[in-house]
PDB file of N, CA and C in Angstrom:
ATOM      1  N   MET A   1     -49.748  11.917 -61.767  1.00  0.00           N
ATOM      2  CA  MET A   1     -49.552  12.111 -60.598  1.00  0.00           C
ATOM      3  C   MET A   1     -48.977  13.534 -61.629  1.00  0.00           C
ATOM      4  N   LYS A   2     -49.103  14.628 -61.834  1.00  0.00           N
ATOM      5  CA  LYS A   2     -48.100  16.042 -61.981  1.00  0.00           C
ATOM      6  C   LYS A   2     -47.446  16.220 -61.338  1.00  0.00           C
ATOM      7  N   THR A   3     -46.083  16.635 -62.088  1.00  0.00           N
ATOM      8  CA  THR A   3     -45.038  16.842 -61.417  1.00  0.00           C
ATOM      9  C   THR A   3     -44.134  18.150 -62.453  1.00  0.00           C
ATOM     10  N   VAL A   4     -43.636  19.066 -61.345  1.00  0.00           N
ATOM     11  CA  VAL A   4     -42.971  19.889 -61.850  1.00  0.00           C
ATOM     12  C   VAL A   4     -41.405  19.628 -61.650  1.00  0.00           C
ATOM     13  N   THR A   5     -40.414  20.326 -62.206  1.00  0.00           N
ATOM     14  CA  THR A   5     -38.937  19.907 -62.548  1.00  0.00           C
ATOM     15  C   THR A   5     -38.383  21.267 -62.678  1.00  0.00           C
ATOM     16  N   LEU A   6     -38.070  21.630 -61.101  1.00  0.00           N
ATOM     17  CA  LEU A   6     -37.335  22.324 -61.079  1.00  0.00           C
ATOM     18  C   LEU A   6     -35.764  22.002 -61.670  1.00  0.00           C
ATOM     19  N   ASP A   7     -35.030  23.081 -62.316  1.00  0.00           N
ATOM     20  CA  ASP A   7     -33.793  23.108 -62.499  1.00  0.00           C
ATOM     21  C   ASP A   7     -32.957  24.305 -63.265  1.00  0.00           C
ATOM     22  N   ILE A   8     -31.826  23.648 -63.077  1.00  0.00           N
ATOM     23  CA  ILE A   8     -30.765  25.027 -62.960  1.00  0.00           C
ATOM     24  C   ILE A   8     -30.664  24.911 -64.987  1.00  0.00           C
ATOM     25  N   ARG A   9     -30.508  25.897 -65.601  1.00  0.00           N
ATOM     26  CA  ARG A   9     -30.002  26.003 -67.131  1.00  0.00           C
ATOM     27  C   ARG A   9     -30.209  27.458 -67.229  1.00  0.00           C
ATOM     28  N   THR A  10     -29.220  27.968 -67.897  1.00  0.00           N
ATOM     29  CA  THR A  10     -28.969  29.433 -68.201  1.00  0.00           C
ATOM     30  C   THR A  10     -30.033  30.340 -69.171  1.00  0.00           C
ATOM     31  N   PRO A  11     -30.124  31.422 -69.313  1.00  0.00           N
ATOM     32  CA  PRO A  11     -31.021  31.983 -70.078  1.00  0.00           C
ATOM     33  C   PRO A  11     -31.110  31.641 -71.460  1.00  0.00           C
ATOM     34  N   ARG A  12     -29.744  31.252 -72.398  1.00  0.00           N
ATOM     35  CA  ARG A  12     -29.941  30.506 -73.564  1.00  0.00           C
ATOM     36  C   ARG A  12     -30.577  29.178 -73.779  1.00  0.00           C
ATOM     37  N   GLU A  13     -30.142  28.614 -72.913  1.00  0.00           N
ATOM     38  CA  GLU A  13     -30.723  27.132 -72.568  1.00  0.00           C
ATOM     39  C   GLU A  13     -32.364  27.181 -72.333  1.00  0.00           C
ATOM     40  N   VAL A  14     -32.924  27.925 -71.482  1.00  0.00           N
ATOM     41  CA  VAL A  14     -34.362  28.416 -71.713  1.00  0.00           C
ATOM     42  C   VAL A  14     -34.671  28.718 -72.558  1.00  0.00           C
ATOM     43  N   SER A  15     -34.219  29.931 -73.446  1.00  0.00           N
ATOM     44  CA  SER A  15     -34.724  30.594 -74.858  1.00  0.00           C
ATOM     45  C   SER A  15     -34.794  29.383 -76.014  1.00  0.00           C
ATOM     46  N   ALA A  16     -33.577  28.631 -75.886  1.00  0.00           N
ATOM     47  CA  ALA A  16     -33.495  27.569 -77.001  1.00  0.00           C
ATOM     48  C   ALA A  16     -34.347  26.475 -77.026  1.00  0.00           C
ATOM     49  N   GLU A  17     -34.754  26.063 -75.579  1.00  0.00           N
ATOM     50  CA  GLU A  17     -36.093  24.898 -75.176  1.00  0.00           C
ATOM     51  C   GLU A  17     -37.182  25.721 -75.625  1.00  0.00           C
ATOM     52  N   PHE A  18     -37.649  26.920 -75.644  1.00  0.00           N
ATOM     53  CA  PHE A  18     -38.903  27.535 -75.912  1.00  0.00           C
ATOM     54  C   PHE A  18     -39.199  27.730 -77.356  1.00  0.00           C
ATOM     55  N   VAL A  19     -37.924  27.863 -78.033  1.00  0.00           N
ATOM     56  CA  VAL A  19     -38.253  27.837 -79.567  1.00  0.00           C
ATOM     57  C   VAL A  19     -38.361  26.409 -80.320  1.00  0.00           C
ATOM     58  N   ARG A  20     -37.615  25.581 -79.609  1.00  0.00           N
ATOM     59  CA  ARG A  20     -37.969  24.314 -79.994  1.00  0.00           C
ATOM     60  C   ARG A  20     -39.033  23.620 -79.781  1.00  0.00           C
ATOM     61  N   VAL A  21     -39.982  24.085 -78.628  1.00  0.00           N
ATOM     62  CA  VAL A  21     -40.852  23.673 -78.528  1.00  0.00           C
ATOM     63  C   VAL A  21     -42.324  24.550 -79.024  1.00  0.00           C
ATOM     64  N   TRP A  22     -41.809  25.499 -79.552  1.00  0.00           N
ATOM     65  CA  TRP A  22     -42.440  26.431 -80.120  1.00  0.00           C
ATOM     66  C   TRP A  22     -42.500  26.418 -81.767  1.00  0.00           C
ATOM     67  N   LYS A  23     -41.451  25.813 -82.310  1.00  0.00           N
ATOM     68  CA  LYS A  23     -41.285  25.189 -83.402  1.00  0.00           C
ATOM     69  C   LYS A  23     -42.323  23.989 -84.159  1.00  0.00           C
ATOM     70  N   SER A  24     -41.768  23.129 -83.022  1.00  0.00           N
ATOM     71  CA  SER A  24     -42.638  21.898 -82.930  1.00  0.00           C
ATOM     72  C   SER A  24     -44.113  21.669 -82.688  1.00  0.00           C
ATOM     73  N   ARG A  25     -44.709  22.885 -82.055  1.00  0.00           N
ATOM     74  CA  ARG A  25     -46.505  23.489 -82.636  1.00  0.00           C
ATOM     75  C   ARG A  25     -46.562  22.119 -80.961  1.00  0.00           C
ATOM     76  N   LYS A  26     -45.790  21.260 -80.572  1.00  0.00           N
ATOM     77  CA  LYS A  26     -46.296  20.656 -79.386  1.00  0.00           C
ATOM     78  C   LYS A  26     -46.218  21.083 -78.118  1.00  0.00           C
ATOM     79  N   ALA A  27     -47.220  21.222 -77.354  1.00  0.00           N
ATOM     80  CA  ALA A  27     -47.025  21.560 -75.742  1.00  0.00           C
ATOM     81  C   ALA A  27     -46.474  20.367 -75.178  1.00  0.00           C
ATOM     82  N   ASP A  28     -45.326  21.262 -74.853  1.00  0.00           N
ATOM     83  CA  ASP A  28     -44.327  20.514 -73.749  1.00  0.00           C
ATOM     84  C   ASP A  28     -44.859  19.667 -72.030  1.00  0.00           C
ATOM     85  N   PRO A  29     -45.414  17.952 -72.068  1.00  0.00           N
ATOM     86  CA  PRO A  29     -46.012  18.002 -71.168  1.00  0.00           C
ATOM     87  C   PRO A  29     -45.154  17.966 -69.906  1.00  0.00           C
ATOM     88  N   ASN A  30     -43.928  18.049 -69.770  1.00  0.00           N
ATOM     89  CA  ASN A  30     -43.092  18.360 -68.427  1.00  0.00           C
ATOM     90  C   ASN A  30     -43.261  19.991 -68.355  1.00  0.00           C
ATOM     91  N   ALA A  31     -43.711  19.971 -67.357  1.00  0.00           N
ATOM     92  CA  ALA A  31     -43.447  21.369 -66.478  1.00  0.00           C
ATOM     93  C   ALA A  31     -42.279  21.715 -66.019  1.00  0.00           C
ATOM     94  N   ARG A  32     -41.988  22.908 -66.517  1.00  0.00           N
ATOM     95  CA  ARG A  32     -40.118  23.367 -65.557  1.00  0.00           C
ATOM     96  C   ARG A  32     -40.217  24.113 -65.243  1.00  0.00           C
ATOM     97  N   ILE A  33     -39.848  24.744 -64.014  1.00  0.00           N
ATOM     98  CA  ILE A  33     -39.199  25.825 -63.869  1.00  0.00           C
ATOM     99  C   ILE A  33     -37.415  25.803 -63.195  1.00  0.00           C
ATOM    100  N   SER A  34     -37.101  27.059 -64.090  1.00  0.00           N
ATOM    101  CA  SER A  34     -35.556  26.763 -64.824  1.00  0.00           C
ATOM    102  C   SER A  34     -35.428  27.921 -63.377  1.00  0.00           C
ATOM    103  N   PHE A  35     -34.082  28.010 -62.694  1.00  0.00           N
ATOM    104  CA  PHE A  35     -32.790  28.978 -62.369  1.00  0.00           C
ATOM    105  C   PHE A  35     -31.772  29.201 -62.876  1.00  0.00           C
ATOM    106  N   ALA A  36     -31.335  29.859 -62.785  1.00  0.00           N
ATOM    107  CA  ALA A  36     -29.839  30.490 -63.541  1.00  0.00           C
ATOM    108  C   ALA A  36     -28.861  29.704 -62.540  1.00  0.00           C
ATOM    109  N   THR A  37     -28.568  29.366 -61.304  1.00  0.00           N
ATOM    110  CA  THR A  37     -27.563  28.929 -60.878  1.00  0.00           C
ATOM    111  C   THR A  37     -27.906  28.496 -59.442  1.00  0.00           C
ATOM    112  N   PRO A  38     -27.649  27.543 -58.968  1.00  0.00           N
ATOM    113  CA  PRO A  38     -28.363  27.102 -57.827  1.00  0.00           C
ATOM    114  C   PRO A  38     -28.132  27.350 -56.406  1.00  0.00           C
ATOM    115  N   GLU A  39     -27.221  28.614 -56.338  1.00  0.00           N
ATOM    116  CA  GLU A  39     -27.485  29.622 -55.560  1.00  0.00           C
ATOM    117  C   GLU A  39     -28.759  30.080 -54.913  1.00  0.00           C
ATOM    118  N   LEU A  40     -29.217  30.350 -56.459  1.00  0.00           N
ATOM    119  CA  LEU A  40     -30.617  30.841 -56.766  1.00  0.00           C
ATOM    120  C   LEU A  40     -31.653  30.648 -56.485  1.00  0.00           C
ATOM    121  N   LEU A  41     -31.613  29.215 -57.022  1.00  0.00           N
ATOM    122  CA  LEU A  41     -32.604  28.128 -56.564  1.00  0.00           C
ATOM    123  C   LEU A  41     -32.649  27.977 -54.839  1.00  0.00           C
ATOM    124  N   TRP A  42     -31.877  27.892 -54.501  1.00  0.00           N
ATOM    125  CA  TRP A  42     -31.833  27.828 -52.958  1.00  0.00           C
ATOM    126  C   TRP A  42     -32.205  29.188 -51.486  1.00  0.00           C
ATOM    127  N   LYS A  43     -31.637  30.260 -52.904  1.00  0.00           N
ATOM    128  CA  LYS A  43     -32.322  31.356 -52.239  1.00  0.00           C
ATOM    129  C   LYS A  43     -33.791  31.744 -52.268  1.00  0.00           C
ATOM    130  N   VAL A  44     -34.246  31.250 -53.538  1.00  0.00           N
ATOM    131  CA  VAL A  44     -36.002  31.121 -53.500  1.00  0.00           C
ATOM    132  C   VAL A  44     -36.570  29.921 -52.651  1.00  0.00           C
ATOM    133  N   LEU A  45     -35.708  29.178 -52.927  1.00  0.00           N
ATOM    134  CA  LEU A  45     -36.530  27.970 -52.371  1.00  0.00           C
ATOM    135  C   LEU A  45     -35.955  27.546 -50.838  1.00  0.00           C
ATOM    136  N   THR A  46     -35.784  27.927 -49.982  1.00  0.00           N
ATOM    137  CA  THR A  46     -35.578  28.200 -48.322  1.00  0.00           C
ATOM    138  C   THR A  46     -36.303  27.069 -47.884  1.00  0.00           C
ATOM    139  N   ALA A  47     -36.143  26.576 -46.720  1.00  0.00           N
ATOM    140  CA  ALA A  47     -36.396  25.136 -46.069  1.00  0.00           C
ATOM    141  C   ALA A  47     -38.044  25.654 -45.785  1.00  0.00           C
ATOM    142  N   LYS A  48     -38.287  26.694 -45.079  1.00  0.00           N
ATOM    143  CA  LYS A  48     -39.610  27.326 -44.671  1.00  0.00           C
ATOM    144  C   LYS A  48     -40.832  27.153 -46.121  1.00  0.00           C
ATOM    145  N   ARG A  49     -40.059  26.953 -47.031  1.00  0.00           N
ATOM    146  CA  ARG A  49     -40.801  27.601 -48.113  1.00  0.00           C
ATOM    147  C   ARG A  49     -41.243  25.981 -49.297  1.00  0.00           C
ATOM    148  N   TRP A  50     -40.021  25.395 -48.698  1.00  0.00           N
ATOM    149  CA  TRP A  50     -40.275  24.248 -48.887  1.00  0.00           C
ATOM    150  C   TRP A  50     -41.141  23.460 -48.172  1.00  0.00           C
ATOM    151  N   GLU A  51     -41.563  23.192 -46.708  1.00  0.00           N
ATOM    152  CA  GLU A  51     -42.295  22.831 -45.946  1.00  0.00           C
ATOM    153  C   GLU A  51     -43.905  23.325 -45.898  1.00  0.00           C
ATOM    154  N   LEU A  52     -44.043  24.787 -47.241  1.00  0.00           N
ATOM    155  CA  LEU A  52     -44.964  25.538 -47.700  1.00  0.00           C
ATOM    156  C   LEU A  52     -45.523  24.723 -48.534  1.00  0.00           C
ATOM    157  N   ILE A  53     -44.523  24.571 -49.714  1.00  0.00           N
ATOM    158  CA  ILE A  53     -44.884  23.374 -50.522  1.00  0.00           C
ATOM    159  C   ILE A  53     -45.575  22.299 -50.795  1.00  0.00           C
ATOM    160  N   LYS A  54     -44.684  21.935 -49.592  1.00  0.00           N
ATOM    161  CA  LYS A  54     -44.941  20.066 -49.153  1.00  0.00           C
ATOM    162  C   LYS A  54     -46.651  20.421 -49.091  1.00  0.00           C
ATOM    163  N   ALA A  55     -47.025  21.354 -47.933  1.00  0.00           N
ATOM    164  CA  ALA A  55     -47.843  21.682 -46.984  1.00  0.00           C
ATOM    165  C   ALA A  55     -49.200  21.582 -48.634  1.00  0.00           C
ATOM    166  N   MET A  56     -49.047  22.235 -49.517  1.00  0.00           N
ATOM    167  CA  MET A  56     -49.832  21.898 -50.760  1.00  0.00           C
ATOM    168  C   MET A  56     -49.991  21.814 -52.025  1.00  0.00           C
ATOM    169  N   ALA A  57     -48.842  21.018 -52.085  1.00  0.00           N
ATOM    170  CA  ALA A  57     -49.010  19.546 -53.338  1.00  0.00           C
ATOM    171  C   ALA A  57     -50.280  19.089 -53.266  1.00  0.00           C
ATOM    172  N   GLY A  58     -50.968  19.393 -54.491  1.00  0.00           N
ATOM    173  CA  GLY A  58     -51.697  18.243 -54.616  1.00  0.00           C
ATOM    174  C   GLY A  58     -53.626  18.458 -54.268  1.00  0.00           C
ATOM    175  N   GLN A  59     -52.987  19.846 -53.601  1.00  0.00           N
ATOM    176  CA  GLN A  59     -54.166  20.336 -52.464  1.00  0.00           C
ATOM    177  C   GLN A  59     -55.247  21.398 -52.888  1.00  0.00           C
ATOM    178  N   GLY A  60     -54.633  21.916 -54.501  1.00  0.00           N
ATOM    179  CA  GLY A  60     -55.603  22.824 -55.136  1.00  0.00           C
ATOM    180  C   GLY A  60     -55.992  24.072 -54.494  1.00  0.00           C
ATOM    181  N   PRO A  61     -56.666  24.851 -54.981  1.00  0.00           N
ATOM    182  CA  PRO A  61     -56.380  26.335 -54.518  1.00  0.00           C
ATOM    183  C   PRO A  61     -56.864  26.309 -53.677  1.00  0.00           C
ATOM    184  N   MET A  62     -56.408  27.595 -52.273  1.00  0.00           N
ATOM    185  CA  MET A  62     -56.985  27.519 -51.038  1.00  0.00           C
ATOM    186  C   MET A  62     -56.586  29.013 -50.831  1.00  0.00           C
ATOM    187  N   THR A  63     -57.033  29.364 -49.632  1.00  0.00           N
ATOM    188  CA  THR A  63     -56.298  30.882 -48.798  1.00  0.00           C
ATOM    189  C   THR A  63     -55.079  30.891 -48.594  1.00  0.00           C
ATOM    190  N   LEU A  64     -54.732  32.142 -48.380  1.00  0.00           N
ATOM    191  CA  LEU A  64     -53.401  32.501 -47.548  1.00  0.00           C
ATOM    192  C   LEU A  64     -53.900  31.772 -46.497  1.00  0.00           C
ATOM    193  N   ARG A  65     -54.736  31.862 -45.116  1.00  0.00           N
ATOM    194  CA  ARG A  65     -54.968  31.331 -44.418  1.00  0.00           C
ATOM    195  C   ARG A  65     -54.899  29.682 -43.951  1.00  0.00           C
ATOM    196  N   GLU A  66     -55.741  28.715 -44.774  1.00  0.00           N
ATOM    197  CA  GLU A  66     -55.298  27.993 -44.541  1.00  0.00           C
ATOM    198  C   GLU A  66     -54.123  27.219 -45.316  1.00  0.00           C
ATOM    199  N   ALA A  67     -53.320  28.029 -46.535  1.00  0.00           N
ATOM    200  CA  ALA A  67     -52.027  27.460 -46.563  1.00  0.00           C
ATOM    201  C   ALA A  67     -50.848  27.229 -45.268  1.00  0.00           C
ATOM    202  N   ALA A  68     -51.343  28.812 -44.394  1.00  0.00           N
ATOM    203  CA  ALA A  68     -50.678  28.847 -42.942  1.00  0.00           C
ATOM    204  C   ALA A  68     -50.964  28.409 -42.015  1.00  0.00           C
ATOM    205  N   ARG A  69     -52.192  27.444 -42.597  1.00  0.00           N
ATOM    206  CA  ARG A  69     -52.918  26.302 -41.527  1.00  0.00           C
ATOM    207  C   ARG A  69     -52.115  25.256 -41.310  1.00  0.00           C
ATOM    208  N   ARG A  70     -51.751  24.733 -43.174  1.00  0.00           N
ATOM    209  CA  ARG A  70     -51.545  23.103 -43.734  1.00  0.00           C
ATOM    210  C   ARG A  70     -49.877  23.314 -43.219  1.00  0.00           C
ATOM    211  N   ALA A  71     -49.287  24.439 -43.201  1.00  0.00           N
ATOM    212  CA  ALA A  71     -47.719  24.751 -42.793  1.00  0.00           C
ATOM    213  C   ALA A  71     -47.428  24.406 -41.546  1.00  0.00           C
ATOM    214  N   ASP A  72     -48.920  24.690 -40.464  1.00  0.00           N
ATOM    215  CA  ASP A  72     -48.363  24.761 -38.925  1.00  0.00           C
ATOM    216  C   ASP A  72     -47.344  26.541 -38.438  1.00  0.00           C
ATOM    217  N   ARG A  73     -48.125  27.180 -39.679  1.00  0.00           N
ATOM    218  CA  ARG A  73     -46.950  28.596 -39.511  1.00  0.00           C
ATOM    219  C   ARG A  73     -48.221  29.913 -39.265  1.00  0.00           C
ATOM    220  N   ASP A  74     -47.263  30.994 -39.040  1.00  0.00           N
ATOM    221  CA  ASP A  74     -47.808  31.919 -38.127  1.00  0.00           C
ATOM    222  C   ASP A  74     -48.175  32.879 -39.888  1.00  0.00           C
ATOM    223  N   VAL A  75     -49.556  33.695 -40.374  1.00  0.00           N
ATOM    224  CA  VAL A  75     -50.222  34.255 -41.804  1.00  0.00           C
ATOM    225  C   VAL A  75     -49.020  34.574 -42.321  1.00  0.00           C
ATOM    226  N   LYS A  76     -48.604  35.872 -41.427  1.00  0.00           N
ATOM    227  CA  LYS A  76     -47.561  37.296 -41.477  1.00  0.00           C
ATOM    228  C   LYS A  76     -46.762  36.142 -42.363  1.00  0.00           C
ATOM    229  N   ALA A  77     -45.808  35.684 -41.825  1.00  0.00           N
ATOM    230  CA  ALA A  77     -44.845  34.841 -42.283  1.00  0.00           C
ATOM    231  C   ALA A  77     -44.999  33.965 -43.354  1.00  0.00           C
ATOM    232  N   VAL A  78     -45.935  33.440 -43.272  1.00  0.00           N
ATOM    233  CA  VAL A  78     -46.212  32.430 -44.724  1.00  0.00           C
ATOM    234  C   VAL A  78     -46.601  33.446 -45.605  1.00  0.00           C
ATOM    235  N   HIS A  79     -47.129  34.905 -45.565  1.00  0.00           N
ATOM    236  CA  HIS A  79     -47.386  35.676 -46.699  1.00  0.00           C
ATOM    237  C   HIS A  79     -46.294  36.130 -47.383  1.00  0.00           C
ATOM    238  N   GLY A  80     -44.822  36.426 -46.723  1.00  0.00           N
ATOM    239  CA  GLY A  80     -44.108  36.847 -47.625  1.00  0.00           C
ATOM    240  C   GLY A  80     -42.968  35.418 -48.472  1.00  0.00           C
ATOM    241  N   ASP A  81     -43.629  34.546 -47.726  1.00  0.00           N
ATOM    242  CA  ASP A  81     -42.819  33.461 -48.709  1.00  0.00           C
ATOM    243  C   ASP A  81     -43.733  33.118 -50.030  1.00  0.00           C
ATOM    244  N   VAL A  82     -45.123  33.033 -49.407  1.00  0.00           N
ATOM    245  CA  VAL A  82     -46.508  33.232 -50.853  1.00  0.00           C
ATOM    246  C   VAL A  82     -45.548  33.974 -51.948  1.00  0.00           C
ATOM    247  N   HIS A  83     -45.327  35.059 -51.064  1.00  0.00           N
ATOM    248  CA  HIS A  83     -45.416  36.257 -52.539  1.00  0.00           C
ATOM    249  C   HIS A  83     -43.765  35.727 -53.231  1.00  0.00           C
ATOM    250  N   ALA A  84     -43.149  35.282 -52.637  1.00  0.00           N
ATOM    251  CA  ALA A  84     -41.967  35.372 -53.297  1.00  0.00           C
ATOM    252  C   ALA A  84     -42.121  33.701 -54.018  1.00  0.00           C
ATOM    253  N   LEU A  85     -42.380  33.207 -53.712  1.00  0.00           N
ATOM    254  CA  LEU A  85     -43.198  31.778 -54.180  1.00  0.00           C
ATOM    255  C   LEU A  85     -43.926  32.073 -55.519  1.00  0.00           C
ATOM    256  N   LEU A  86     -44.952  33.483 -55.625  1.00  0.00           N
ATOM    257  CA  LEU A  86     -45.350  33.472 -56.825  1.00  0.00           C
ATOM    258  C   LEU A  86     -44.789  34.009 -57.600  1.00  0.00           C
ATOM    259  N   ALA A  87     -43.744  35.228 -57.492  1.00  0.00           N
ATOM    260  CA  ALA A  87     -43.093  35.751 -58.184  1.00  0.00           C
ATOM    261  C   ALA A  87     -42.043  35.063 -59.220  1.00  0.00           C
ATOM    262  N   ALA A  88     -41.733  34.216 -58.298  1.00  0.00           N
ATOM    263  CA  ALA A  88     -40.819  32.994 -59.566  1.00  0.00           C
ATOM    264  C   ALA A  88     -41.664  32.052 -59.720  1.00  0.00           C
ATOM    265  N   GLY A  89     -42.865  31.747 -60.117  1.00  0.00           N
ATOM    266  CA  GLY A  89     -43.585  30.759 -60.561  1.00  0.00           C
ATOM    267  C   GLY A  89     -43.992  30.161 -60.419  1.00  0.00           C
ATOM    268  N   ILE A  90     -43.578  29.412 -58.821  1.00  0.00           N
ATOM    269  CA  ILE A  90     -43.692  28.078 -58.368  1.00  0.00           C
ATOM    270  C   ILE A  90     -45.578  28.445 -57.625  1.00  0.00           C
ATOM    271  N   LEU A  91     -45.983  29.230 -57.143  1.00  0.00           N
ATOM    272  CA  LEU A  91     -47.211  29.238 -57.221  1.00  0.00           C
ATOM    273  C   LEU A  91     -48.005  29.936 -58.199  1.00  0.00           C
ATOM    274  N   ARG A  92     -49.300  29.937 -58.398  1.00  0.00           N
ATOM    275  CA  ARG A  92     -50.099  30.499 -59.154  1.00  0.00           C
ATOM    276  C   ARG A  92     -51.387  30.932 -58.532  1.00  0.00           C
ATOM    277  N   LYS A  93     -52.219  32.106 -58.476  1.00  0.00           N
ATOM    278  CA  LYS A  93     -53.571  32.711 -57.994  1.00  0.00           C
ATOM    279  C   LYS A  93     -54.453  32.280 -59.019  1.00  0.00           C
ATOM    280  N   ASP A  94     -55.537  31.531 -58.345  1.00  0.00           N
ATOM    281  CA  ASP A  94     -57.142  31.261 -59.363  1.00  0.00           C
ATOM    282  C   ASP A  94     -57.061  32.560 -58.970  1.00  0.00           C
ATOM    283  N   ALA A  95     -58.503  32.208 -60.181  1.00  0.00           N
ATOM    284  CA  ALA A  95     -59.701  33.933 -60.205  1.00  0.00           C
ATOM    285  C   ALA A  95     -59.824  34.631 -59.743  1.00  0.00           C
ATOM    286  N   ASP A  96     -60.539  33.432 -58.026  1.00  0.00           N
ATOM    287  CA  ASP A  96     -60.730  33.604 -57.290  1.00  0.00           C
ATOM    288  C   ASP A  96     -59.599  34.858 -56.085  1.00  0.00           C
ATOM    289  N   GLY A  97     -58.580  34.351 -56.846  1.00  0.00           N
ATOM    290  CA  GLY A  97     -57.101  35.468 -55.767  1.00  0.00           C
ATOM    291  C   GLY A  97     -56.678  34.402 -55.012  1.00  0.00           C
ATOM    292  N   LYS A  98     -57.511  32.931 -55.011  1.00  0.00           N
ATOM    293  CA  LYS A  98     -56.758  31.686 -54.010  1.00  0.00           C
ATOM    294  C   LYS A  98     -55.389  30.960 -54.631  1.00  0.00           C
ATOM    295  N   ILE A  99     -54.432  30.506 -53.902  1.00  0.00           N
ATOM    296  CA  ILE A  99     -53.055  30.526 -54.223  1.00  0.00           C
ATOM    297  C   ILE A  99     -52.967  28.735 -54.186  1.00  0.00           C
ATOM    298  N   GLU A 100     -52.630  28.473 -54.853  1.00  0.00           N
ATOM    299  CA  GLU A 100     -52.298  27.117 -55.440  1.00  0.00           C
ATOM    300  C   GLU A 100     -50.684  26.744 -56.405  1.00  0.00           C
ATOM    301  N   PHE A 101     -50.359  25.426 -55.661  1.00  0.00           N
ATOM    302  CA  PHE A 101     -49.154  24.788 -56.107  1.00  0.00           C
ATOM    303  C   PHE A 101     -49.487  23.525 -56.842  1.00  0.00           C
ATOM    304  N   PRO A 102     -49.760  23.397 -58.242  1.00  0.00           N
ATOM    305  CA  PRO A 102     -50.497  22.897 -58.959  1.00  0.00           C
ATOM    306  C   PRO A 102     -50.257  21.803 -59.515  1.00  0.00           C
ATOM    307  N   PHE A 103     -49.546  21.027 -58.627  1.00  0.00           N
ATOM    308  CA  PHE A 103     -48.825  19.965 -58.740  1.00  0.00           C
ATOM    309  C   PHE A 103     -48.206  19.033 -57.248  1.00  0.00           C
ATOM    310  N   ASP A 104     -48.679  17.348 -58.151  1.00  0.00           N
ATOM    311  CA  ASP A 104     -48.733  16.534 -57.127  1.00  0.00           C
ATOM    312  C   ASP A 104     -47.330  16.509 -56.538  1.00  0.00           C
ATOM    313  N   ALA A 105     -46.254  16.573 -57.225  1.00  0.00           N
ATOM    314  CA  ALA A 105     -44.691  16.311 -56.801  1.00  0.00           C
ATOM    315  C   ALA A 105     -43.709  17.322 -57.522  1.00  0.00           C
ATOM    316  N   VAL A 106     -42.746  17.327 -57.051  1.00  0.00           N
ATOM    317  CA  VAL A 106     -41.692  17.966 -57.349  1.00  0.00           C
ATOM    318  C   VAL A 106     -40.284  17.493 -58.178  1.00  0.00           C
ATOM    319  N   HIS A 107     -39.335  17.541 -58.379  1.00  0.00           N
ATOM    320  CA  HIS A 107     -38.370  16.819 -58.961  1.00  0.00           C
ATOM    321  C   HIS A 107     -37.355  17.760 -59.341  1.00  0.00           C
ATOM    322  N   VAL A 108     -36.697  17.417 -58.575  1.00  0.00           N
ATOM    323  CA  VAL A 108     -35.342  19.047 -58.375  1.00  0.00           C
ATOM    324  C   VAL A 108     -34.101  18.198 -59.127  1.00  0.00           C
ATOM    325  N   ASP A 109     -33.681  18.805 -60.438  1.00  0.00           N
ATOM    326  CA  ASP A 109     -32.657  18.102 -61.427  1.00  0.00           C
ATOM    327  C   ASP A 109     -31.334  19.192 -61.575  1.00  0.00           C
ATOM    328  N   PHE A 110     -30.113  18.866 -60.865  1.00  0.00           N
ATOM    329  CA  PHE A 110     -29.045  19.644 -61.003  1.00  0.00           C
ATOM    330  C   PHE A 110     -27.677  19.038 -60.783  1.00  0.00           C
ATOM    331  N   LYS A 111     -26.837  19.562 -61.843  1.00  0.00           N
ATOM    332  CA  LYS A 111     -25.513  18.710 -61.767  1.00  0.00           C
ATOM    333  C   LYS A 111     -24.073  19.530 -60.569  1.00  0.00           C
ATOM    334  N   LEU A 112     -23.676  18.986 -59.510  1.00  0.00           N
ATOM    335  CA  LEU A 112     -22.779  20.050 -59.172  1.00  0.00           C
ATOM    336  C   LEU A 112     -21.279  19.356 -59.990  1.00  0.00           C
ATOM    337  N   LYS A 113     -20.612  19.632 -60.383  1.00  0.00           N
ATOM    338  CA  LYS A 113     -19.208  19.844 -61.164  1.00  0.00           C
ATOM    339  C   LYS A 113     -17.941  20.315 -60.547  1.00  0.00           C
ATOM    340  N   ALA A 114     -16.959  19.861 -60.583  1.00  0.00           N
ATOM    341  CA  ALA A 114     -15.448  20.450 -59.841  1.00  0.00           C
ATOM    342  C   ALA A 114     -15.725  21.808 -60.784  1.00  0.00           C
ATOM    343  N   ALA A 115     -14.948  22.483 -59.951  1.00  0.00           N
ATOM    344  CA  ALA A 115     -14.428  24.229 -60.266  1.00  0.00           C
ATOM    345  C   ALA A 115     -13.792  24.049 -61.397  1.00  0.00           C
TER     346      ALA A 115
END
């Protein structure tokens, strides 16, 4: 099962991880998409976008219209969500212009600490 981890990390932490992987010359098998704050993660991943990701997970490339059908939503509304998820690096476009969530599962990892 191909899983992506969504986490909260500072840009410095992301850069340090990149350097570590680069120096080891080994690809990191764990796909990660990092956000600077929990608020940013929840701003990007709204409830409707979570539903869209769930509908697309493990289904391969599809048209925008197909994604809207699977999510049981209006194409225009899905259009905006798809572009937000593409900009965040969560969805990808293939060579034919179809959109894809290239993972079967999502793991969200962050810690809430006392202020």
